[in-house]
Amino acid sequence: GNEFTAADIQMSFPVEAAGARGGLDESRPKLMAFLQRIHARPAYLRAIERGGPYELMK
């Protein structure tokens, strides 16, 4: 849908994990766009500013 919901928050983790493992590339443009929209949200940016960057998989 067009609205940001709790489902978007829940799905952000597996998409982040796929990106961290290198499984997210140009072959999945919709997932990449989804993650870019999450990362552009003001709340996300505030959380990173407050807590610092994170490493999902070291």
N, C-alpha and C. Protein backbone atom coordinates (compact mmCIF):
# COMPACT_ATOMS: atom_id res chain seq x y z
N GLY A 1 0.80 -1.18 0.00
CA GLY A 1 0.00 0.00 0.00
C GLY A 1 0.85 1.26 0.00
N ASN A 2 0.19 2.36 0.02
CA ASN A 2 0.88 3.64 -0.01
C ASN A 2 1.22 4.16 1.38
N GLU A 3 0.62 3.58 2.41
CA GLU A 3 0.86 4.04 3.78
C GLU A 3 1.96 3.22 4.43
N PHE A 4 2.75 3.87 5.27
CA PHE A 4 3.78 3.19 6.05
C PHE A 4 3.11 2.53 7.25
N THR A 5 3.33 1.23 7.43
CA THR A 5 2.67 0.50 8.51
C THR A 5 3.69 -0.33 9.29
N ALA A 6 3.19 -0.99 10.33
CA ALA A 6 4.04 -1.89 11.12
C ALA A 6 4.61 -3.01 10.26
N ALA A 7 3.89 -3.42 9.24
CA ALA A 7 4.39 -4.46 8.34
C ALA A 7 5.67 -4.00 7.64
N ASP A 8 5.75 -2.73 7.30
CA ASP A 8 6.96 -2.20 6.68
C ASP A 8 8.14 -2.29 7.64
N ILE A 9 7.89 -1.99 8.90
CA ILE A 9 8.94 -2.07 9.91
C ILE A 9 9.40 -3.52 10.05
N GLN A 10 8.44 -4.45 10.13
CA GLN A 10 8.79 -5.86 10.26
C GLN A 10 9.58 -6.36 9.06
N MET A 11 9.21 -5.94 7.88
CA MET A 11 9.89 -6.41 6.67
C MET A 11 11.24 -5.73 6.45
N SER A 12 11.47 -4.62 7.13
CA SER A 12 12.75 -3.94 6.92
C SER A 12 13.92 -4.79 7.39
N PHE A 13 13.74 -5.58 8.46
CA PHE A 13 14.86 -6.39 8.95
C PHE A 13 15.32 -7.44 7.95
N PRO A 14 14.44 -8.30 7.41
CA PRO A 14 14.94 -9.28 6.45
C PRO A 14 15.53 -8.64 5.19
N VAL A 15 15.00 -7.50 4.79
CA VAL A 15 15.56 -6.83 3.61
C VAL A 15 16.93 -6.27 3.96
N GLU A 16 17.08 -5.70 5.16
CA GLU A 16 18.41 -5.23 5.61
C GLU A 16 19.38 -6.40 5.66
N ALA A 17 18.93 -7.54 6.19
CA ALA A 17 19.79 -8.72 6.29
C ALA A 17 20.21 -9.20 4.91
N ALA A 18 19.30 -9.21 3.97
CA ALA A 18 19.65 -9.61 2.60
C ALA A 18 20.70 -8.67 2.03
N GLY A 19 20.54 -7.39 2.28
CA GLY A 19 21.53 -6.42 1.81
C GLY A 19 22.88 -6.63 2.45
N ALA A 20 22.89 -6.93 3.74
CA ALA A 20 24.15 -7.14 4.46
C ALA A 20 24.87 -8.39 3.96
N ARG A 21 24.12 -9.38 3.52
CA ARG A 21 24.73 -10.61 3.00
C ARG A 21 25.09 -10.51 1.53
N GLY A 22 24.80 -9.38 0.93
CA GLY A 22 25.11 -9.21 -0.48
C GLY A 22 24.06 -9.78 -1.41
N GLY A 23 22.89 -10.10 -0.88
CA GLY A 23 21.84 -10.69 -1.69
C GLY A 23 20.84 -9.67 -2.24
N LEU A 24 21.21 -8.41 -2.17
CA LEU A 24 20.30 -7.36 -2.64
C LEU A 24 21.07 -6.52 -3.65
N ASP A 25 20.63 -6.58 -4.90
CA ASP A 25 21.32 -5.84 -5.95
C ASP A 25 20.32 -5.34 -6.98
N GLU A 26 20.83 -4.90 -8.10
CA GLU A 26 19.99 -4.32 -9.16
C GLU A 26 18.94 -5.29 -9.70
N SER A 27 19.14 -6.58 -9.45
CA SER A 27 18.16 -7.56 -9.93
C SER A 27 16.87 -7.52 -9.10
N ARG A 28 16.90 -6.79 -8.00
CA ARG A 28 15.73 -6.65 -7.13
C ARG A 28 15.44 -5.17 -6.88
N PRO A 29 15.07 -4.45 -7.93
CA PRO A 29 14.91 -2.99 -7.81
C PRO A 29 13.82 -2.56 -6.84
N LYS A 30 12.77 -3.33 -6.72
CA LYS A 30 11.70 -2.93 -5.79
C LYS A 30 12.14 -3.06 -4.34
N LEU A 31 12.89 -4.11 -4.02
CA LEU A 31 13.40 -4.24 -2.66
C LEU A 31 14.43 -3.16 -2.35
N MET A 32 15.26 -2.85 -3.32
CA MET A 32 16.24 -1.78 -3.12
C MET A 32 15.53 -0.45 -2.90
N ALA A 33 14.49 -0.18 -3.65
CA ALA A 33 13.73 1.06 -3.50
C ALA A 33 13.03 1.09 -2.14
N PHE A 34 12.50 -0.04 -1.71
CA PHE A 34 11.86 -0.13 -0.39
C PHE A 34 12.86 0.25 0.70
N LEU A 35 14.05 -0.33 0.64
CA LEU A 35 15.06 -0.05 1.66
C LEU A 35 15.50 1.41 1.60
N GLN A 36 15.62 1.96 0.43
CA GLN A 36 15.97 3.38 0.30
C GLN A 36 14.90 4.27 0.92
N ARG A 37 13.64 3.90 0.74
CA ARG A 37 12.56 4.69 1.36
C ARG A 37 12.61 4.59 2.88
N ILE A 38 12.90 3.41 3.40
CA ILE A 38 13.03 3.25 4.86
C ILE A 38 14.17 4.14 5.36
N HIS A 39 15.30 4.09 4.68
CA HIS A 39 16.48 4.85 5.11
C HIS A 39 16.29 6.36 4.98
N ALA A 40 15.35 6.78 4.17
CA ALA A 40 15.10 8.21 3.99
C ALA A 40 14.07 8.76 4.98
N ARG A 41 13.42 7.89 5.73
CA ARG A 41 12.39 8.35 6.67
C ARG A 41 13.01 9.18 7.79
N PRO A 42 12.38 10.27 8.16
CA PRO A 42 12.92 11.11 9.24
C PRO A 42 13.17 10.35 10.54
N ALA A 43 12.29 9.44 10.91
CA ALA A 43 12.47 8.69 12.15
C ALA A 43 13.71 7.79 12.06
N TYR A 44 13.93 7.19 10.91
CA TYR A 44 15.12 6.35 10.73
C TYR A 44 16.38 7.20 10.86
N LEU A 45 16.37 8.34 10.21
CA LEU A 45 17.54 9.23 10.25
C LEU A 45 17.80 9.72 11.67
N ARG A 46 16.75 10.02 12.42
CA ARG A 46 16.93 10.44 13.82
C ARG A 46 17.51 9.31 14.65
N ALA A 47 17.04 8.09 14.43
CA ALA A 47 17.54 6.94 15.18
C ALA A 47 19.02 6.71 14.91
N ILE A 48 19.44 6.83 13.67
CA ILE A 48 20.85 6.66 13.32
C ILE A 48 21.67 7.79 13.93
N GLU A 49 21.14 9.00 13.88
CA GLU A 49 21.84 10.14 14.47
C GLU A 49 22.00 9.95 15.97
N ARG A 50 20.99 9.44 16.59
CA ARG A 50 21.00 9.28 18.04
C ARG A 50 21.84 8.07 18.48
N GLY A 51 21.66 6.95 17.81
CA GLY A 51 22.33 5.72 18.23
C GLY A 51 23.59 5.38 17.46
N GLY A 52 23.84 6.09 16.38
CA GLY A 52 25.00 5.80 15.56
C GLY A 52 24.72 4.69 14.57
N PRO A 53 25.58 4.56 13.59
CA PRO A 53 25.39 3.52 12.58
C PRO A 53 25.49 2.13 13.21
N TYR A 54 24.89 1.17 12.58
CA TYR A 54 24.94 -0.18 13.09
C TYR A 54 25.45 -1.12 12.01
N GLU A 55 25.98 -2.22 12.47
CA GLU A 55 26.43 -3.28 11.56
C GLU A 55 25.54 -4.48 11.81
N LEU A 56 24.75 -4.82 10.84
CA LEU A 56 23.81 -5.92 11.01
C LEU A 56 24.55 -7.25 11.12
N MET A 57 25.52 -7.44 10.26
CA MET A 57 26.27 -8.70 10.26
C MET A 57 27.75 -8.36 10.18
N LYS A 58 28.47 -8.75 11.19
CA LYS A 58 29.91 -8.46 11.22
C LYS A 58 30.68 -9.59 10.59
